[in-house]
């Protein structure tokens, strides 16, 4: 299905009627390599959706993998995020919000040895405020 957006942007949308197998999914991703902007996976079936999200993240780590559901159940959100989803959508679906989040999402360089930084806060003993400091540093970053 073709979708016409602004005149300078034409996009292709593929909707699958059911969950593909992991191998079918990887083949589909490979056949569209370099052309994909994002993958949206319905997480109605949590086990199958999580498997597809993991497959997407393994084969295309720089691709936005978005989970979508009609409810915002905590267990569903947690499962999707643990599998590697970069966004989680619930109704009302806002295309502008999704587009903006995908635009501002940093691209990962697959060949880079450093993909980010990790900062540790290790207290000498419990109750010294390391968690509070970590929280404020994270907020400032």
N, C-alpha and C. Protein backbone atom coordinates (compact mmCIF):
# COMPACT_ATOMS: atom_id res chain seq x y z
N UNK A 1 0.85 -1.16 0.00
CA UNK A 1 0.00 0.00 0.00
C UNK A 1 0.90 1.23 0.00
N UNK A 2 0.65 2.17 -0.87
CA UNK A 2 1.42 3.41 -0.93
C UNK A 2 0.67 4.50 -0.19
N UNK A 3 1.44 5.32 0.50
CA UNK A 3 0.85 6.43 1.23
C UNK A 3 1.52 7.70 0.75
N UNK A 4 0.75 8.66 0.38
CA UNK A 4 1.32 9.93 -0.06
C UNK A 4 1.25 10.93 1.07
N UNK A 5 2.40 11.38 1.51
CA UNK A 5 2.49 12.39 2.55
C UNK A 5 2.73 13.72 1.86
N UNK A 6 3.58 14.55 2.46
CA UNK A 6 3.96 15.79 1.80
C UNK A 6 4.57 15.46 0.44
N UNK A 7 4.55 16.39 -0.52
CA UNK A 7 5.01 16.10 -1.87
C UNK A 7 6.41 15.50 -1.95
N UNK A 8 7.31 15.89 -1.04
CA UNK A 8 8.68 15.38 -1.12
C UNK A 8 8.86 14.01 -0.48
N UNK A 9 7.82 13.50 0.19
CA UNK A 9 7.94 12.23 0.89
C UNK A 9 6.88 11.26 0.39
N UNK A 10 7.33 10.12 -0.09
CA UNK A 10 6.41 9.06 -0.43
C UNK A 10 6.85 7.85 0.37
N UNK A 11 5.93 7.20 1.03
CA UNK A 11 6.31 6.07 1.86
C UNK A 11 5.49 4.84 1.50
N UNK A 12 6.04 3.71 1.82
CA UNK A 12 5.37 2.45 1.59
C UNK A 12 5.00 1.86 2.94
N UNK A 13 3.80 1.38 3.04
CA UNK A 13 3.31 0.80 4.27
C UNK A 13 2.93 -0.65 3.99
N UNK A 14 3.47 -1.57 4.76
CA UNK A 14 3.14 -2.98 4.60
C UNK A 14 2.43 -3.44 5.87
N UNK A 15 1.24 -3.97 5.71
CA UNK A 15 0.47 -4.47 6.85
C UNK A 15 0.33 -5.98 6.68
N UNK A 16 0.79 -6.73 7.66
CA UNK A 16 0.68 -8.19 7.62
C UNK A 16 -0.59 -8.61 8.35
N UNK A 17 -1.35 -9.55 7.80
CA UNK A 17 -2.61 -9.96 8.44
C UNK A 17 -2.43 -10.82 9.68
N UNK A 18 -1.23 -11.40 9.86
CA UNK A 18 -0.96 -12.22 11.04
C UNK A 18 0.53 -12.15 11.34
N UNK A 19 0.89 -12.65 12.52
CA UNK A 19 2.30 -12.65 12.90
C UNK A 19 3.07 -13.61 12.00
N UNK A 20 4.18 -13.14 11.41
CA UNK A 20 5.01 -14.05 10.63
C UNK A 20 5.89 -14.88 11.57
N UNK A 21 6.48 -15.93 11.04
CA UNK A 21 7.47 -16.67 11.83
C UNK A 21 8.71 -15.80 11.93
N UNK A 22 9.60 -16.15 12.83
CA UNK A 22 10.84 -15.38 13.00
C UNK A 22 11.64 -15.34 11.69
N UNK A 23 11.69 -16.47 10.98
CA UNK A 23 12.44 -16.54 9.73
C UNK A 23 11.78 -15.68 8.64
N UNK A 24 10.45 -15.74 8.54
CA UNK A 24 9.73 -14.91 7.58
C UNK A 24 9.95 -13.43 7.88
N UNK A 25 9.93 -13.09 9.15
CA UNK A 25 10.12 -11.71 9.57
C UNK A 25 11.51 -11.21 9.21
N UNK A 26 12.52 -12.03 9.48
CA UNK A 26 13.89 -11.63 9.14
C UNK A 26 14.06 -11.48 7.63
N UNK A 27 13.41 -12.36 6.87
CA UNK A 27 13.46 -12.26 5.41
C UNK A 27 12.80 -10.98 4.92
N UNK A 28 11.68 -10.64 5.52
CA UNK A 28 10.97 -9.41 5.18
C UNK A 28 11.83 -8.19 5.48
N UNK A 29 12.50 -8.18 6.63
CA UNK A 29 13.39 -7.07 6.99
C UNK A 29 14.56 -6.99 6.02
N UNK A 30 15.14 -8.14 5.69
CA UNK A 30 16.29 -8.16 4.79
C UNK A 30 15.92 -7.66 3.39
N UNK A 31 14.71 -8.00 2.93
CA UNK A 31 14.29 -7.58 1.59
C UNK A 31 14.05 -6.08 1.51
N UNK A 32 13.86 -5.44 2.66
CA UNK A 32 13.62 -3.99 2.68
C UNK A 32 14.75 -3.24 3.36
N UNK A 33 15.91 -3.85 3.45
CA UNK A 33 17.06 -3.24 4.12
C UNK A 33 17.36 -1.87 3.51
N UNK A 34 17.57 -0.89 4.36
CA UNK A 34 17.88 0.46 3.93
C UNK A 34 16.66 1.29 3.59
N UNK A 35 15.49 0.68 3.49
CA UNK A 35 14.27 1.41 3.12
C UNK A 35 13.34 1.61 4.31
N UNK A 36 13.61 0.93 5.42
CA UNK A 36 12.70 0.98 6.56
C UNK A 36 13.00 2.16 7.47
N UNK A 37 11.95 2.81 7.91
CA UNK A 37 12.09 3.89 8.89
C UNK A 37 11.71 3.39 10.27
N UNK A 38 10.71 2.51 10.34
CA UNK A 38 10.24 1.99 11.62
C UNK A 38 9.42 0.74 11.38
N UNK A 39 9.32 -0.05 12.42
CA UNK A 39 8.47 -1.24 12.41
C UNK A 39 7.51 -1.08 13.58
N UNK A 40 6.22 -1.26 13.32
CA UNK A 40 5.23 -1.19 14.39
C UNK A 40 4.66 -2.60 14.55
N UNK A 41 4.77 -3.13 15.76
CA UNK A 41 4.33 -4.49 16.04
C UNK A 41 3.20 -4.46 17.05
N UNK A 42 2.08 -5.06 16.69
CA UNK A 42 0.93 -5.20 17.58
C UNK A 42 1.31 -6.22 18.66
N UNK A 43 1.23 -5.82 19.92
CA UNK A 43 1.64 -6.71 21.00
C UNK A 43 0.45 -7.41 21.66
N UNK A 44 -0.62 -7.61 20.88
CA UNK A 44 -1.79 -8.34 21.39
C UNK A 44 -1.42 -9.74 21.85
N UNK A 45 -0.55 -10.41 21.10
CA UNK A 45 -0.01 -11.70 21.51
C UNK A 45 1.40 -11.42 22.02
N UNK A 46 1.53 -11.30 23.33
CA UNK A 46 2.77 -10.84 23.96
C UNK A 46 3.98 -11.71 23.61
N UNK A 47 3.82 -13.01 23.61
CA UNK A 47 4.95 -13.91 23.36
C UNK A 47 5.45 -13.77 21.93
N UNK A 48 4.54 -13.83 20.95
CA UNK A 48 4.95 -13.71 19.55
C UNK A 48 5.51 -12.32 19.25
N UNK A 49 4.87 -11.30 19.78
CA UNK A 49 5.33 -9.92 19.54
C UNK A 49 6.72 -9.71 20.13
N UNK A 50 6.96 -10.20 21.33
CA UNK A 50 8.28 -10.05 21.96
C UNK A 50 9.35 -10.74 21.13
N UNK A 51 9.03 -11.89 20.57
CA UNK A 51 9.99 -12.61 19.74
C UNK A 51 10.33 -11.81 18.48
N UNK A 52 9.32 -11.19 17.87
CA UNK A 52 9.55 -10.37 16.68
C UNK A 52 10.32 -9.09 17.01
N UNK A 53 10.03 -8.50 18.14
CA UNK A 53 10.77 -7.30 18.56
C UNK A 53 12.24 -7.65 18.75
N UNK A 54 12.50 -8.77 19.42
CA UNK A 54 13.90 -9.20 19.61
C UNK A 54 14.58 -9.48 18.27
N UNK A 55 13.86 -10.13 17.35
CA UNK A 55 14.44 -10.42 16.03
C UNK A 55 14.77 -9.13 15.29
N UNK A 56 13.90 -8.15 15.39
CA UNK A 56 14.14 -6.85 14.75
C UNK A 56 15.37 -6.18 15.35
N UNK A 57 15.47 -6.17 16.67
CA UNK A 57 16.59 -5.51 17.34
C UNK A 57 17.91 -6.22 17.05
N UNK A 58 17.87 -7.57 16.92
CA UNK A 58 19.10 -8.32 16.63
C UNK A 58 19.59 -8.06 15.21
N UNK A 59 18.68 -8.06 14.24
CA UNK A 59 19.11 -7.91 12.85
C UNK A 59 19.25 -6.46 12.41
N UNK A 60 18.49 -5.54 13.01
CA UNK A 60 18.53 -4.12 12.64
C UNK A 60 18.49 -3.26 13.92
N UNK A 61 19.59 -3.20 14.68
CA UNK A 61 19.58 -2.48 15.95
C UNK A 61 19.33 -0.98 15.83
N UNK A 62 19.60 -0.41 14.67
CA UNK A 62 19.42 1.03 14.49
C UNK A 62 18.01 1.39 14.02
N UNK A 63 17.17 0.41 13.79
CA UNK A 63 15.81 0.63 13.31
C UNK A 63 14.85 0.80 14.49
N UNK A 64 13.98 1.79 14.42
CA UNK A 64 13.00 2.01 15.48
C UNK A 64 11.97 0.87 15.44
N UNK A 65 11.86 0.16 16.54
CA UNK A 65 10.88 -0.92 16.66
C UNK A 65 9.84 -0.47 17.67
N UNK A 66 8.63 -0.24 17.20
CA UNK A 66 7.56 0.34 18.00
C UNK A 66 6.54 -0.73 18.34
N UNK A 67 6.17 -0.81 19.61
CA UNK A 67 5.12 -1.72 20.06
C UNK A 67 3.82 -0.93 20.12
N UNK A 68 2.70 -1.59 19.76
CA UNK A 68 1.41 -0.92 19.80
C UNK A 68 0.36 -1.88 20.35
N UNK A 69 -0.56 -1.34 21.13
CA UNK A 69 -1.63 -2.14 21.70
C UNK A 69 -2.82 -1.24 21.96
N UNK A 70 -3.98 -1.85 22.12
CA UNK A 70 -5.18 -1.07 22.39
C UNK A 70 -5.31 -0.73 23.86
N UNK A 71 -4.51 -1.36 24.71
CA UNK A 71 -4.53 -1.07 26.14
C UNK A 71 -3.12 -0.73 26.59
N UNK A 72 -3.03 -0.11 27.74
CA UNK A 72 -1.70 0.21 28.29
C UNK A 72 -1.47 -0.59 29.56
N UNK A 73 -1.56 -1.91 29.43
CA UNK A 73 -1.31 -2.79 30.57
C UNK A 73 0.18 -2.77 30.91
N UNK A 74 0.48 -2.66 32.17
CA UNK A 74 1.87 -2.56 32.62
C UNK A 74 2.69 -3.77 32.18
N UNK A 75 2.12 -4.99 32.28
CA UNK A 75 2.88 -6.18 31.90
C UNK A 75 3.20 -6.20 30.42
N UNK A 76 2.29 -5.69 29.59
CA UNK A 76 2.52 -5.64 28.15
C UNK A 76 3.60 -4.61 27.80
N UNK A 77 3.53 -3.46 28.44
CA UNK A 77 4.55 -2.42 28.21
C UNK A 77 5.91 -2.92 28.64
N UNK A 78 5.98 -3.51 29.81
CA UNK A 78 7.25 -4.02 30.34
C UNK A 78 7.83 -5.10 29.43
N UNK A 79 7.00 -6.03 28.97
CA UNK A 79 7.48 -7.10 28.08
C UNK A 79 8.02 -6.53 26.77
N UNK A 80 7.31 -5.54 26.21
CA UNK A 80 7.75 -4.93 24.96
C UNK A 80 9.08 -4.19 25.14
N UNK A 81 9.20 -3.44 26.22
CA UNK A 81 10.44 -2.70 26.46
C UNK A 81 11.61 -3.64 26.75
N UNK A 82 11.35 -4.70 27.49
CA UNK A 82 12.41 -5.68 27.76
C UNK A 82 12.86 -6.39 26.49
N UNK A 83 11.93 -6.58 25.55
CA UNK A 83 12.28 -7.22 24.28
C UNK A 83 13.08 -6.27 23.39
N UNK A 84 12.97 -4.96 23.63
CA UNK A 84 13.76 -4.00 22.87
C UNK A 84 12.98 -2.95 22.11
N UNK A 85 11.68 -2.83 22.38
CA UNK A 85 10.89 -1.80 21.70
C UNK A 85 11.39 -0.41 22.08
N UNK A 86 11.43 0.49 21.10
CA UNK A 86 11.91 1.84 21.39
C UNK A 86 10.77 2.80 21.74
N UNK A 87 9.55 2.44 21.38
CA UNK A 87 8.36 3.25 21.69
C UNK A 87 7.22 2.29 21.99
N UNK A 88 6.18 2.81 22.66
CA UNK A 88 4.98 2.02 22.94
C UNK A 88 3.78 2.92 22.68
N UNK A 89 2.93 2.53 21.74
CA UNK A 89 1.78 3.34 21.36
C UNK A 89 0.48 2.74 21.86
N UNK A 90 -0.41 3.60 22.33
CA UNK A 90 -1.77 3.21 22.70
C UNK A 90 -2.72 4.26 22.13
N UNK A 91 -3.98 3.90 21.92
CA UNK A 91 -4.94 4.88 21.39
C UNK A 91 -5.12 6.05 22.34
N UNK A 92 -5.39 7.21 21.89
CA UNK A 92 -5.53 7.57 20.48
C UNK A 92 -4.15 7.70 19.83
N UNK A 93 -3.96 7.04 18.69
CA UNK A 93 -2.69 7.05 18.01
C UNK A 93 -2.47 8.41 17.36
N UNK A 94 -1.36 9.03 17.65
CA UNK A 94 -1.04 10.35 17.14
C UNK A 94 0.16 10.23 16.20
N UNK A 95 -0.10 10.29 14.90
CA UNK A 95 0.97 10.13 13.91
C UNK A 95 2.04 11.20 14.04
N UNK A 96 1.63 12.43 14.38
CA UNK A 96 2.62 13.51 14.52
C UNK A 96 3.58 13.22 15.68
N UNK A 97 3.04 12.72 16.78
CA UNK A 97 3.88 12.41 17.94
C UNK A 97 4.86 11.30 17.61
N UNK A 98 4.39 10.26 16.93
CA UNK A 98 5.28 9.17 16.54
C UNK A 98 6.35 9.66 15.59
N UNK A 99 5.96 10.45 14.59
CA UNK A 99 6.93 10.98 13.64
C UNK A 99 8.00 11.80 14.34
N UNK A 100 7.59 12.63 15.30
CA UNK A 100 8.54 13.46 16.04
C UNK A 100 9.49 12.60 16.88
N UNK A 101 8.97 11.59 17.54
CA UNK A 101 9.83 10.74 18.37
C UNK A 101 10.81 9.95 17.51
N UNK A 102 10.40 9.57 16.31
CA UNK A 102 11.31 8.85 15.42
C UNK A 102 12.37 9.78 14.85
N UNK A 103 12.01 11.04 14.60
CA UNK A 103 12.98 12.02 14.11
C UNK A 103 14.05 12.33 15.13
N UNK A 104 13.65 12.43 16.40
CA UNK A 104 14.60 12.81 17.44
C UNK A 104 15.36 11.61 18.00
N UNK A 105 14.97 10.41 17.61
CA UNK A 105 15.64 9.21 18.10
C UNK A 105 17.05 9.15 17.52
N UNK A 106 18.07 8.98 18.38
CA UNK A 106 19.44 8.94 17.86
C UNK A 106 19.68 7.67 17.05
N UNK A 107 20.39 7.82 15.95
CA UNK A 107 20.76 6.67 15.13
C UNK A 107 21.99 6.02 15.74
N UNK A 108 22.00 4.70 15.80
CA UNK A 108 23.15 3.99 16.31
C UNK A 108 24.06 3.60 15.15
N UNK A 109 25.34 3.78 15.35
CA UNK A 109 26.30 3.35 14.36
C UNK A 109 26.69 1.92 14.69
N UNK A 110 26.27 1.00 13.88
CA UNK A 110 26.51 -0.41 14.11
C UNK A 110 27.99 -0.76 14.23
N UNK A 111 28.84 0.00 13.54
CA UNK A 111 30.25 -0.32 13.50
C UNK A 111 31.06 0.41 14.56
N UNK A 112 30.41 1.25 15.30
CA UNK A 112 31.08 2.01 16.35
C UNK A 112 31.28 1.12 17.57
N UNK A 113 32.44 1.23 18.19
CA UNK A 113 32.69 0.46 19.40
C UNK A 113 32.01 1.09 20.60
N UNK A 114 31.79 2.39 20.54
CA UNK A 114 31.11 3.06 21.64
C UNK A 114 29.75 3.54 21.18
N UNK A 115 28.72 2.99 21.75
CA UNK A 115 27.36 3.37 21.38
C UNK A 115 26.72 4.24 22.44
N UNK A 116 27.41 4.53 23.49
CA UNK A 116 26.85 5.33 24.55
C UNK A 116 27.80 5.34 25.73
N UNK A 117 27.36 5.92 26.80
CA UNK A 117 28.17 5.96 28.00
C UNK A 117 27.39 5.38 29.15
N UNK A 118 28.12 4.81 30.06
CA UNK A 118 27.52 4.23 31.26
C UNK A 118 28.19 4.89 32.45
N UNK A 119 27.41 5.43 33.35
CA UNK A 119 27.93 6.11 34.52
C UNK A 119 27.46 5.34 35.75
N UNK A 120 28.38 4.97 36.62
CA UNK A 120 28.05 4.24 37.84
C UNK A 120 28.12 5.16 39.05
N UNK A 121 27.23 4.94 39.98
CA UNK A 121 27.27 5.61 41.27
C UNK A 121 27.32 4.51 42.31
N UNK A 122 28.48 4.33 42.91
CA UNK A 122 28.66 3.26 43.88
C UNK A 122 28.90 3.85 45.27
N UNK A 123 27.97 3.66 46.17
CA UNK A 123 28.16 4.23 47.52
C UNK A 123 29.14 3.37 48.33
N UNK A 124 29.79 4.01 49.28
CA UNK A 124 30.68 3.29 50.19
C UNK A 124 29.87 2.38 51.10
N UNK A 125 28.68 2.81 51.44
CA UNK A 125 27.76 1.99 52.23
C UNK A 125 26.35 2.48 51.95
N UNK A 126 25.38 1.67 52.26
CA UNK A 126 23.99 2.02 52.00
C UNK A 126 23.56 3.27 52.76
N UNK A 127 22.67 4.05 52.16
CA UNK A 127 22.14 5.23 52.83
C UNK A 127 22.98 6.48 52.68
N UNK A 128 23.97 6.46 51.79
CA UNK A 128 24.83 7.63 51.60
C UNK A 128 24.35 8.58 50.52
N UNK A 129 23.21 8.29 49.90
CA UNK A 129 22.63 9.20 48.91
C UNK A 129 23.07 8.98 47.48
N UNK A 130 23.67 7.85 47.15
CA UNK A 130 24.11 7.60 45.77
C UNK A 130 22.92 7.55 44.82
N UNK A 131 21.81 6.98 45.24
CA UNK A 131 20.62 6.91 44.40
C UNK A 131 20.07 8.30 44.12
N UNK A 132 20.09 9.15 45.11
CA UNK A 132 19.61 10.53 44.93
C UNK A 132 20.50 11.28 43.97
N UNK A 133 21.80 11.13 44.12
CA UNK A 133 22.75 11.78 43.21
C UNK A 133 22.55 11.26 41.79
N UNK A 134 22.40 9.95 41.63
CA UNK A 134 22.21 9.35 40.32
C UNK A 134 20.94 9.89 39.66
N UNK A 135 19.88 10.01 40.43
CA UNK A 135 18.61 10.52 39.93
C UNK A 135 18.75 11.96 39.43
N UNK A 136 19.44 12.81 40.21
CA UNK A 136 19.60 14.20 39.82
C UNK A 136 20.54 14.35 38.61
N UNK A 137 21.57 13.53 38.53
CA UNK A 137 22.47 13.57 37.37
C UNK A 137 21.72 13.13 36.13
N UNK A 138 20.93 12.06 36.23
CA UNK A 138 20.13 11.60 35.09
C UNK A 138 19.15 12.66 34.63
N UNK A 139 18.53 13.35 35.56
CA UNK A 139 17.59 14.42 35.22
C UNK A 139 18.33 15.56 34.52
N UNK A 140 19.51 15.88 34.98
CA UNK A 140 20.28 16.97 34.38
C UNK A 140 20.78 16.62 32.97
N UNK A 141 21.11 15.37 32.77
CA UNK A 141 21.59 14.92 31.45
C UNK A 141 20.45 14.99 30.46
